[in-house]
Amino acid sequence: MRGVERPALASAFPSFGGQHDDFVFMDLGANAENKPS
C-alpha cells in the first residue's frame, strides 16, 4: 500500500488481567531489521 514503508506480520495474542482478551503484537518476523520510522 502507498504510504507504508515496511509491511509487517501482526497477530492477536492472549492477554491476561486486562480489559480485553487479546492484544495486537507486531512485527512477528517479517523484517529482521527495522528503522525507527
PDB file of all heavy atoms in Angstrom:
ATOM      1  N   MET A   1       0.837  -1.196   0.000  1.00  0.00           N
ATOM      2  CA  MET A   1       0.000   0.000   0.000  1.00  0.00           C
ATOM      3  C   MET A   1       0.873   1.248   0.000  1.00  0.00           C
ATOM      4  O   MET A   1       1.884   1.300   0.713  1.00  0.00           O
ATOM      5  CB  MET A   1      -0.902   0.024   1.241  1.00  0.00           C
ATOM      6  CG  MET A   1      -2.024  -0.984   1.226  1.00  0.00           C
ATOM      7  SD  MET A   1      -3.040  -0.858   2.710  1.00  0.00           S
ATOM      8  CE  MET A   1      -4.229  -2.169   2.403  1.00  0.00           C
ATOM      9  N   ARG A   2       0.492   2.239  -0.786  1.00  0.00           N
ATOM     10  CA  ARG A   2       1.217   3.504  -0.827  1.00  0.00           C
ATOM     11  C   ARG A   2       1.183   4.153   0.559  1.00  0.00           C
ATOM     12  O   ARG A   2       0.138   4.240   1.196  1.00  0.00           O
ATOM     13  CB  ARG A   2       0.587   4.439  -1.848  1.00  0.00           C
ATOM     14  CG  ARG A   2       1.321   5.765  -2.025  1.00  0.00           C
ATOM     15  CD  ARG A   2       0.574   6.645  -2.994  1.00  0.00           C
ATOM     16  NE  ARG A   2       0.543   6.078  -4.329  1.00  0.00           N
ATOM     17  CZ  ARG A   2       1.503   6.231  -5.232  1.00  0.00           C
ATOM     18  NH1 ARG A   2       2.594   6.948  -4.930  1.00  0.00           N
ATOM     19  NH2 ARG A   2       1.399   5.691  -6.436  1.00  0.00           N
ATOM     20  N   GLY A   3       2.341   4.605   1.017  1.00  0.00           N
ATOM     21  CA  GLY A   3       2.425   5.252   2.322  1.00  0.00           C
ATOM     22  C   GLY A   3       2.970   4.366   3.422  1.00  0.00           C
ATOM     23  O   GLY A   3       3.382   4.854   4.469  1.00  0.00           O
ATOM     24  N   VAL A   4       2.977   3.034   3.189  1.00  0.00           N
ATOM     25  CA  VAL A   4       3.514   2.089   4.177  1.00  0.00           C
ATOM     26  C   VAL A   4       4.954   1.765   3.797  1.00  0.00           C
ATOM     27  O   VAL A   4       5.219   1.231   2.720  1.00  0.00           O
ATOM     28  CB  VAL A   4       2.677   0.794   4.232  1.00  0.00           C
ATOM     29  CG1 VAL A   4       3.316  -0.212   5.187  1.00  0.00           C
ATOM     30  CG2 VAL A   4       1.252   1.102   4.674  1.00  0.00           C
ATOM     31  N   GLU A   5       5.899   2.089   4.676  1.00  0.00           N
ATOM     32  CA  GLU A   5       7.315   1.847   4.370  1.00  0.00           C
ATOM     33  C   GLU A   5       7.654   0.367   4.356  1.00  0.00           C
ATOM     34  O   GLU A   5       8.360  -0.123   3.480  1.00  0.00           O
ATOM     35  CB  GLU A   5       8.202   2.566   5.394  1.00  0.00           C
ATOM     36  CG  GLU A   5       8.171   4.085   5.289  1.00  0.00           C
ATOM     37  CD  GLU A   5       9.179   4.711   6.226  1.00  0.00           C
ATOM     38  OE1 GLU A   5      10.148   4.026   6.615  1.00  0.00           O
ATOM     39  OE2 GLU A   5       9.014   5.883   6.578  1.00  0.00           O
ATOM     40  N   ARG A   6       7.175  -0.365   5.348  1.00  0.00           N
ATOM     41  CA  ARG A   6       7.561  -1.771   5.500  1.00  0.00           C
ATOM     42  C   ARG A   6       6.388  -2.573   6.088  1.00  0.00           C
ATOM     43  O   ARG A   6       6.121  -2.474   7.284  1.00  0.00           O
ATOM     44  CB  ARG A   6       8.772  -1.869   6.424  1.00  0.00           C
ATOM     45  CG  ARG A   6       9.442  -3.235   6.460  1.00  0.00           C
ATOM     46  CD  ARG A   6      10.186  -3.551   5.190  1.00  0.00           C
ATOM     47  NE  ARG A   6      11.320  -2.661   4.983  1.00  0.00           N
ATOM     48  CZ  ARG A   6      12.528  -2.849   5.512  1.00  0.00           C
ATOM     49  NH1 ARG A   6      12.766  -3.880   6.292  1.00  0.00           N
ATOM     50  NH2 ARG A   6      13.503  -1.991   5.231  1.00  0.00           N
ATOM     51  N   PRO A   7       5.651  -3.323   5.267  1.00  0.00           N
ATOM     52  CA  PRO A   7       4.582  -4.174   5.815  1.00  0.00           C
ATOM     53  C   PRO A   7       5.123  -5.112   6.882  1.00  0.00           C
ATOM     54  O   PRO A   7       6.310  -5.458   6.888  1.00  0.00           O
ATOM     55  CB  PRO A   7       4.095  -4.952   4.576  1.00  0.00           C
ATOM     56  CG  PRO A   7       4.392  -4.029   3.435  1.00  0.00           C
ATOM     57  CD  PRO A   7       5.721  -3.387   3.798  1.00  0.00           C
ATOM     58  N   ALA A   8       4.244  -5.538   7.782  1.00  0.00           N
ATOM     59  CA  ALA A   8       4.678  -6.353   8.910  1.00  0.00           C
ATOM     60  C   ALA A   8       3.653  -7.424   9.232  1.00  0.00           C
ATOM     61  O   ALA A   8       2.487  -7.336   8.831  1.00  0.00           O
ATOM     62  CB  ALA A   8       4.906  -5.466  10.138  1.00  0.00           C
ATOM     63  N   LEU A   9       4.099  -8.444   9.958  1.00  0.00           N
ATOM     64  CA  LEU A   9       3.212  -9.506  10.418  1.00  0.00           C
ATOM     65  C   LEU A   9       2.612  -9.131  11.765  1.00  0.00           C
ATOM     66  O   LEU A   9       3.343  -8.816  12.712  1.00  0.00           O
ATOM     67  CB  LEU A   9       3.981 -10.818  10.553  1.00  0.00           C
ATOM     68  CG  LEU A   9       4.264 -11.599   9.264  1.00  0.00           C
ATOM     69  CD1 LEU A   9       5.250 -12.725   9.546  1.00  0.00           C
ATOM     70  CD2 LEU A   9       2.974 -12.174   8.685  1.00  0.00           C
ATOM     71  N   ALA A  10       1.285  -9.181  11.837  1.00  0.00           N
ATOM     72  CA  ALA A  10       0.587  -8.861  13.080  1.00  0.00           C
ATOM     73  C   ALA A  10      -0.352  -9.997  13.448  1.00  0.00           C
ATOM     74  O   ALA A  10      -0.911 -10.669  12.573  1.00  0.00           O
ATOM     75  CB  ALA A  10      -0.211  -7.563  12.924  1.00  0.00           C
ATOM     76  N   SER A  11      -0.511 -10.210  14.748  1.00  0.00           N
ATOM     77  CA  SER A  11      -1.409 -11.271  15.203  1.00  0.00           C
ATOM     78  C   SER A  11      -2.054 -10.885  16.517  1.00  0.00           C
ATOM     79  O   SER A  11      -1.508 -10.090  17.293  1.00  0.00           O
ATOM     80  CB  SER A  11      -0.623 -12.574  15.380  1.00  0.00           C
ATOM     81  OG  SER A  11      -1.488 -13.633  15.760  1.00  0.00           O
ATOM     82  N   ALA A  12      -3.229 -11.454  16.761  1.00  0.00           N
ATOM     83  CA  ALA A  12      -3.866 -11.309  18.069  1.00  0.00           C
ATOM     84  C   ALA A  12      -3.185 -12.265  19.039  1.00  0.00           C
ATOM     85  O   ALA A  12      -2.952 -13.429  18.723  1.00  0.00           O
ATOM     86  CB  ALA A  12      -5.354 -11.626  17.968  1.00  0.00           C
ATOM     87  N   PHE A  13      -2.859 -11.756  20.216  1.00  0.00           N
ATOM     88  CA  PHE A  13      -2.111 -12.510  21.215  1.00  0.00           C
ATOM     89  C   PHE A  13      -2.916 -12.514  22.510  1.00  0.00           C
ATOM     90  O   PHE A  13      -3.562 -11.507  22.840  1.00  0.00           O
ATOM     91  CB  PHE A  13      -0.756 -11.819  21.446  1.00  0.00           C
ATOM     92  CG  PHE A  13       0.407 -12.754  21.547  1.00  0.00           C
ATOM     93  CD1 PHE A  13       0.798 -13.506  20.460  1.00  0.00           C
ATOM     94  CD2 PHE A  13       1.117 -12.868  22.726  1.00  0.00           C
ATOM     95  CE1 PHE A  13       1.891 -14.358  20.547  1.00  0.00           C
ATOM     96  CE2 PHE A  13       2.201 -13.712  22.828  1.00  0.00           C
ATOM     97  CZ  PHE A  13       2.592 -14.459  21.732  1.00  0.00           C
ATOM     98  N   PRO A  14      -2.922 -13.605  23.287  1.00  0.00           N
ATOM     99  CA  PRO A  14      -3.731 -13.647  24.508  1.00  0.00           C
ATOM    100  C   PRO A  14      -3.247 -12.676  25.579  1.00  0.00           C
ATOM    101  O   PRO A  14      -2.050 -12.493  25.785  1.00  0.00           O
ATOM    102  CB  PRO A  14      -3.587 -15.096  24.982  1.00  0.00           C
ATOM    103  CG  PRO A  14      -2.326 -15.588  24.357  1.00  0.00           C
ATOM    104  CD  PRO A  14      -2.220 -14.878  23.048  1.00  0.00           C
ATOM    105  N   SER A  15      -4.212 -12.045  26.230  1.00  0.00           N
ATOM    106  CA  SER A  15      -3.918 -11.070  27.280  1.00  0.00           C
ATOM    107  C   SER A  15      -4.577 -11.513  28.576  1.00  0.00           C
ATOM    108  O   SER A  15      -5.729 -11.943  28.579  1.00  0.00           O
ATOM    109  CB  SER A  15      -4.446  -9.693  26.866  1.00  0.00           C
ATOM    110  OG  SER A  15      -4.237  -8.738  27.874  1.00  0.00           O
ATOM    111  N   PHE A  16      -3.852 -11.417  29.667  1.00  0.00           N
ATOM    112  CA  PHE A  16      -4.371 -11.810  30.979  1.00  0.00           C
ATOM    113  C   PHE A  16      -4.384 -10.594  31.911  1.00  0.00           C
ATOM    114  O   PHE A  16      -3.403  -9.861  31.996  1.00  0.00           O
ATOM    115  CB  PHE A  16      -3.500 -12.907  31.600  1.00  0.00           C
ATOM    116  CG  PHE A  16      -3.462 -14.176  30.793  1.00  0.00           C
ATOM    117  CD1 PHE A  16      -2.535 -14.339  29.778  1.00  0.00           C
ATOM    118  CD2 PHE A  16      -4.353 -15.204  31.037  1.00  0.00           C
ATOM    119  CE1 PHE A  16      -2.486 -15.502  29.026  1.00  0.00           C
ATOM    120  CE2 PHE A  16      -4.314 -16.376  30.294  1.00  0.00           C
ATOM    121  CZ  PHE A  16      -3.378 -16.525  29.288  1.00  0.00           C
ATOM    122  N   GLY A  17      -5.481 -10.399  32.590  1.00  0.00           N
ATOM    123  CA  GLY A  17      -5.531  -9.349  33.598  1.00  0.00           C
ATOM    124  C   GLY A  17      -5.983  -8.005  33.095  1.00  0.00           C
ATOM    125  O   GLY A  17      -6.205  -7.078  33.875  1.00  0.00           O
ATOM    126  N   GLY A  18      -6.147  -7.854  31.789  1.00  0.00           N
ATOM    127  CA  GLY A  18      -6.573  -6.576  31.241  1.00  0.00           C
ATOM    128  C   GLY A  18      -8.063  -6.556  30.948  1.00  0.00           C
ATOM    129  O   GLY A  18      -8.808  -7.469  31.311  1.00  0.00           O
ATOM    130  N   GLN A  19      -8.485  -5.517  30.244  1.00  0.00           N
ATOM    131  CA  GLN A  19      -9.897  -5.372  29.910  1.00  0.00           C
ATOM    132  C   GLN A  19     -10.292  -6.193  28.683  1.00  0.00           C
ATOM    133  O   GLN A  19     -11.477  -6.408  28.443  1.00  0.00           O
ATOM    134  CB  GLN A  19     -10.213  -3.903  29.645  1.00  0.00           C
ATOM    135  CG  GLN A  19     -10.011  -3.001  30.864  1.00  0.00           C
ATOM    136  CD  GLN A  19     -10.292  -1.546  30.547  1.00  0.00           C
ATOM    137  OE1 GLN A  19     -10.283  -1.136  29.390  1.00  0.00           O
ATOM    138  NE2 GLN A  19     -10.544  -0.761  31.576  1.00  0.00           N
ATOM    139  N   HIS A  20      -9.306  -6.643  27.910  1.00  0.00           N
ATOM    140  CA  HIS A  20      -9.591  -7.345  26.655  1.00  0.00           C
ATOM    141  C   HIS A  20      -8.901  -8.707  26.639  1.00  0.00           C
ATOM    142  O   HIS A  20      -7.876  -8.918  27.291  1.00  0.00           O
ATOM    143  CB  HIS A  20      -9.127  -6.498  25.475  1.00  0.00           C
ATOM    144  CG  HIS A  20      -9.649  -5.092  25.492  1.00  0.00           C
ATOM    145  ND1 HIS A  20     -10.950  -4.777  25.192  1.00  0.00           N
ATOM    146  CD2 HIS A  20      -9.039  -3.921  25.809  1.00  0.00           C
ATOM    147  CE1 HIS A  20     -11.124  -3.473  25.305  1.00  0.00           C
ATOM    148  NE2 HIS A  20      -9.980  -2.933  25.681  1.00  0.00           N
ATOM    149  N   ASP A  21      -9.474  -9.630  25.863  1.00  0.00           N
ATOM    150  CA  ASP A  21      -8.941 -10.993  25.795  1.00  0.00           C
ATOM    151  C   ASP A  21      -7.640 -11.076  25.004  1.00  0.00           C
ATOM    152  O   ASP A  21      -6.833 -11.977  25.229  1.00  0.00           O
ATOM    153  CB  ASP A  21      -9.973 -11.931  25.167  1.00  0.00           C
ATOM    154  CG  ASP A  21     -11.193 -12.144  26.048  1.00  0.00           C
ATOM    155  OD1 ASP A  21     -11.062 -11.986  27.270  1.00  0.00           O
ATOM    156  OD2 ASP A  21     -12.273 -12.443  25.501  1.00  0.00           O
ATOM    157  N   ASP A  22      -7.461 -10.155  24.061  1.00  0.00           N
ATOM    158  CA  ASP A  22      -6.299 -10.218  23.176  1.00  0.00           C
ATOM    159  C   ASP A  22      -5.688  -8.838  22.981  1.00  0.00           C
ATOM    160  O   ASP A  22      -6.335  -7.817  23.222  1.00  0.00           O
ATOM    161  CB  ASP A  22      -6.700 -10.770  21.796  1.00  0.00           C
ATOM    162  CG  ASP A  22      -7.285 -12.159  21.865  1.00  0.00           C
ATOM    163  OD1 ASP A  22      -6.573 -13.076  22.328  1.00  0.00           O
ATOM    164  OD2 ASP A  22      -8.443 -12.333  21.473  1.00  0.00           O
ATOM    165  N   PHE A  23      -4.444  -8.839  22.519  1.00  0.00           N
ATOM    166  CA  PHE A  23      -3.805  -7.611  22.087  1.00  0.00           C
ATOM    167  C   PHE A  23      -3.121  -7.871  20.751  1.00  0.00           C
ATOM    168  O   PHE A  23      -2.923  -9.016  20.346  1.00  0.00           O
ATOM    169  CB  PHE A  23      -2.799  -7.091  23.128  1.00  0.00           C
ATOM    170  CG  PHE A  23      -1.579  -7.952  23.308  1.00  0.00           C
ATOM    171  CD1 PHE A  23      -0.408  -7.710  22.589  1.00  0.00           C
ATOM    172  CD2 PHE A  23      -1.582  -9.008  24.221  1.00  0.00           C
ATOM    173  CE1 PHE A  23       0.714  -8.496  22.762  1.00  0.00           C
ATOM    174  CE2 PHE A  23      -0.453  -9.798  24.404  1.00  0.00           C
ATOM    175  CZ  PHE A  23       0.699  -9.537  23.675  1.00  0.00           C
ATOM    176  N   VAL A  24      -2.783  -6.804  20.042  1.00  0.00           N
ATOM    177  CA  VAL A  24      -2.099  -6.919  18.749  1.00  0.00           C
ATOM    178  C   VAL A  24      -0.596  -6.906  18.979  1.00  0.00           C
ATOM    179  O   VAL A  24      -0.072  -6.033  19.674  1.00  0.00           O
ATOM    180  CB  VAL A  24      -2.490  -5.758  17.804  1.00  0.00           C
ATOM    181  CG1 VAL A  24      -1.711  -5.865  16.491  1.00  0.00           C
ATOM    182  CG2 VAL A  24      -3.983  -5.764  17.548  1.00  0.00           C
ATOM    183  N   PHE A  25       0.095  -7.880  18.388  1.00  0.00           N
ATOM    184  CA  PHE A  25       1.548  -7.987  18.518  1.00  0.00           C
ATOM    185  C   PHE A  25       2.140  -7.959  17.115  1.00  0.00           C
ATOM    186  O   PHE A  25       1.784  -8.763  16.251  1.00  0.00           O
ATOM    187  CB  PHE A  25       1.896  -9.290  19.226  1.00  0.00           C
ATOM    188  CG  PHE A  25       3.332  -9.417  19.672  1.00  0.00           C
ATOM    189  CD1 PHE A  25       4.169  -8.319  19.774  1.00  0.00           C
ATOM    190  CD2 PHE A  25       3.850 -10.664  20.024  1.00  0.00           C
ATOM    191  CE1 PHE A  25       5.483  -8.437  20.193  1.00  0.00           C
ATOM    192  CE2 PHE A  25       5.166 -10.798  20.455  1.00  0.00           C
ATOM    193  CZ  PHE A  25       5.984  -9.692  20.538  1.00  0.00           C
ATOM    194  N   MET A  26       3.042  -7.002  16.847  1.00  0.00           N
ATOM    195  CA  MET A  26       3.683  -6.889  15.535  1.00  0.00           C
ATOM    196  C   MET A  26       5.007  -6.132  15.694  1.00  0.00           C
ATOM    197  O   MET A  26       5.137  -5.348  16.627  1.00  0.00           O
ATOM    198  CB  MET A  26       2.773  -6.163  14.549  1.00  0.00           C
ATOM    199  CG  MET A  26       2.471  -4.704  14.906  1.00  0.00           C
ATOM    200  SD  MET A  26       1.294  -3.894  13.798  1.00  0.00           S
ATOM    201  CE  MET A  26       2.239  -3.791  12.292  1.00  0.00           C
ATOM    202  N   ASP A  27       6.022  -6.428  14.902  1.00  0.00           N
ATOM    203  CA  ASP A  27       6.160  -7.346  13.812  1.00  0.00           C
ATOM    204  C   ASP A  27       6.618  -8.705  14.365  1.00  0.00           C
ATOM    205  O   ASP A  27       7.492  -8.757  15.223  1.00  0.00           O
ATOM    206  CB  ASP A  27       7.188  -6.771  12.829  1.00  0.00           C
ATOM    207  CG  ASP A  27       7.490  -7.645  11.644  1.00  0.00           C
ATOM    208  OD1 ASP A  27       6.693  -8.529  11.329  1.00  0.00           O
ATOM    209  OD2 ASP A  27       8.538  -7.459  11.037  1.00  0.00           O
ATOM    210  N   LEU A  28       6.078  -9.793  13.808  1.00  0.00           N
ATOM    211  CA  LEU A  28       6.385 -11.124  14.313  1.00  0.00           C
ATOM    212  C   LEU A  28       7.403 -11.868  13.458  1.00  0.00           C
ATOM    213  O   LEU A  28       7.505 -13.091  13.562  1.00  0.00           O
ATOM    214  CB  LEU A  28       5.090 -11.941  14.414  1.00  0.00           C
ATOM    215  CG  LEU A  28       4.060 -11.389  15.400  1.00  0.00           C
ATOM    216  CD1 LEU A  28       2.818 -12.264  15.418  1.00  0.00           C
ATOM    217  CD2 LEU A  28       4.657 -11.281  16.800  1.00  0.00           C
ATOM    218  N   GLY A  29       8.157 -11.153  12.637  1.00  0.00           N
ATOM    219  CA  GLY A  29       9.218 -11.816  11.899  1.00  0.00           C
ATOM    220  C   GLY A  29       9.284 -11.496  10.429  1.00  0.00           C
ATOM    221  O   GLY A  29      10.079 -12.107   9.702  1.00  0.00           O
ATOM    222  N   ALA A  30       8.471 -10.563   9.968  1.00  0.00           N
ATOM    223  CA  ALA A  30       8.537 -10.214   8.550  1.00  0.00           C
ATOM    224  C   ALA A  30       9.832  -9.498   8.211  1.00  0.00           C
ATOM    225  O   ALA A  30      10.373  -9.641   7.119  1.00  0.00           O
ATOM    226  CB  ALA A  30       7.342  -9.334   8.167  1.00  0.00           C
ATOM    227  N   ASN A  31      10.350  -8.717   9.168  1.00  0.00           N
ATOM    228  CA  ASN A  31      11.540  -7.903   8.926  1.00  0.00           C
ATOM    229  C   ASN A  31      12.562  -8.134  10.042  1.00  0.00           C
ATOM    230  O   ASN A  31      12.292  -7.823  11.197  1.00  0.00           O
ATOM    231  CB  ASN A  31      11.163  -6.422   8.893  1.00  0.00           C
ATOM    232  CG  ASN A  31      10.031  -6.142   7.927  1.00  0.00           C
ATOM    233  OD1 ASN A  31      10.226  -6.141   6.727  1.00  0.00           O
ATOM    234  ND2 ASN A  31       8.831  -5.932   8.456  1.00  0.00           N
ATOM    235  N   ALA A  32      13.710  -8.671   9.692  1.00  0.00           N
ATOM    236  CA  ALA A  32      14.734  -8.935  10.704  1.00  0.00           C
ATOM    237  C   ALA A  32      15.332  -7.643  11.244  1.00  0.00           C
ATOM    238  O   ALA A  32      15.775  -7.582  12.386  1.00  0.00           O
ATOM    239  CB  ALA A  32      15.840  -9.811  10.125  1.00  0.00           C
ATOM    240  N   GLU A  33      15.347  -6.599  10.415  1.00  0.00           N
ATOM    241  CA  GLU A  33      15.867  -5.305  10.835  1.00  0.00           C
ATOM    242  C   GLU A  33      14.841  -4.222  10.537  1.00  0.00           C
ATOM    243  O   GLU A  33      14.138  -4.283   9.530  1.00  0.00           O
ATOM    244  CB  GLU A  33      17.179  -4.987  10.108  1.00  0.00           C
ATOM    245  CG  GLU A  33      18.302  -5.963  10.421  1.00  0.00           C
ATOM    246  CD  GLU A  33      19.585  -5.599   9.687  1.00  0.00           C
ATOM    247  OE1 GLU A  33      19.582  -4.591   8.944  1.00  0.00           O
ATOM    248  OE2 GLU A  33      20.573  -6.329   9.849  1.00  0.00           O
ATOM    249  N   ASN A  34      14.758  -3.247  11.420  1.00  0.00           N
ATOM    250  CA  ASN A  34      13.807  -2.159  11.245  1.00  0.00           C
ATOM    251  C   ASN A  34      14.450  -0.815  11.519  1.00  0.00           C
ATOM    252  O   ASN A  34      15.388  -0.716  12.303  1.00  0.00           O
ATOM    253  CB  ASN A  34      12.601  -2.330  12.179  1.00  0.00           C
ATOM    254  CG  ASN A  34      11.677  -3.453  11.765  1.00  0.00           C
ATOM    255  OD1 ASN A  34      11.647  -4.507  12.383  1.00  0.00           O
ATOM    256  ND2 ASN A  34      10.922  -3.219  10.701  1.00  0.00           N
ATOM    257  N   LYS A  35      13.911   0.223  10.888  1.00  0.00           N
ATOM    258  CA  LYS A  35      14.268   1.594  11.191  1.00  0.00           C
ATOM    259  C   LYS A  35      13.283   2.137  12.228  1.00  0.00           C
ATOM    260  O   LYS A  35      12.173   1.601  12.380  1.00  0.00           O
ATOM    261  CB  LYS A  35      14.208   2.448   9.924  1.00  0.00           C
ATOM    262  CG  LYS A  35      15.189   2.053   8.836  1.00  0.00           C
ATOM    263  CD  LYS A  35      14.992   2.939   7.604  1.00  0.00           C
ATOM    264  CE  LYS A  35      15.954   2.557   6.494  1.00  0.00           C
ATOM    265  NZ  LYS A  35      15.746   3.395   5.284  1.00  0.00           N
ATOM    266  N   PRO A  36      13.637   3.210  12.919  1.00  0.00           N
ATOM    267  CA  PRO A  36      12.691   3.811  13.860  1.00  0.00           C
ATOM    268  C   PRO A  36      11.362   4.181  13.209  1.00  0.00           C
ATOM    269  O   PRO A  36      10.297   4.013  13.820  1.00  0.00           O
ATOM    270  CB  PRO A  36      13.437   5.059  14.346  1.00  0.00           C
ATOM    271  CG  PRO A  36      14.882   4.708  14.207  1.00  0.00           C
ATOM    272  CD  PRO A  36      14.964   3.858  12.978  1.00  0.00           C
ATOM    273  N   SER A  37      11.411   4.649  11.964  1.00  0.00           N
ATOM    274  CA  SER A  37      10.178   5.042  11.279  1.00  0.00           C
ATOM    275  C   SER A  37       9.262   3.848  11.035  1.00  0.00           C
ATOM    276  O   SER A  37       8.033   3.983  11.028  1.00  0.00           O
ATOM    277  CB  SER A  37      10.501   5.737   9.953  1.00  0.00           C
ATOM    278  OG  SER A  37      11.281   4.898   9.114  1.00  0.00           O
TER     279      SER A  37
END
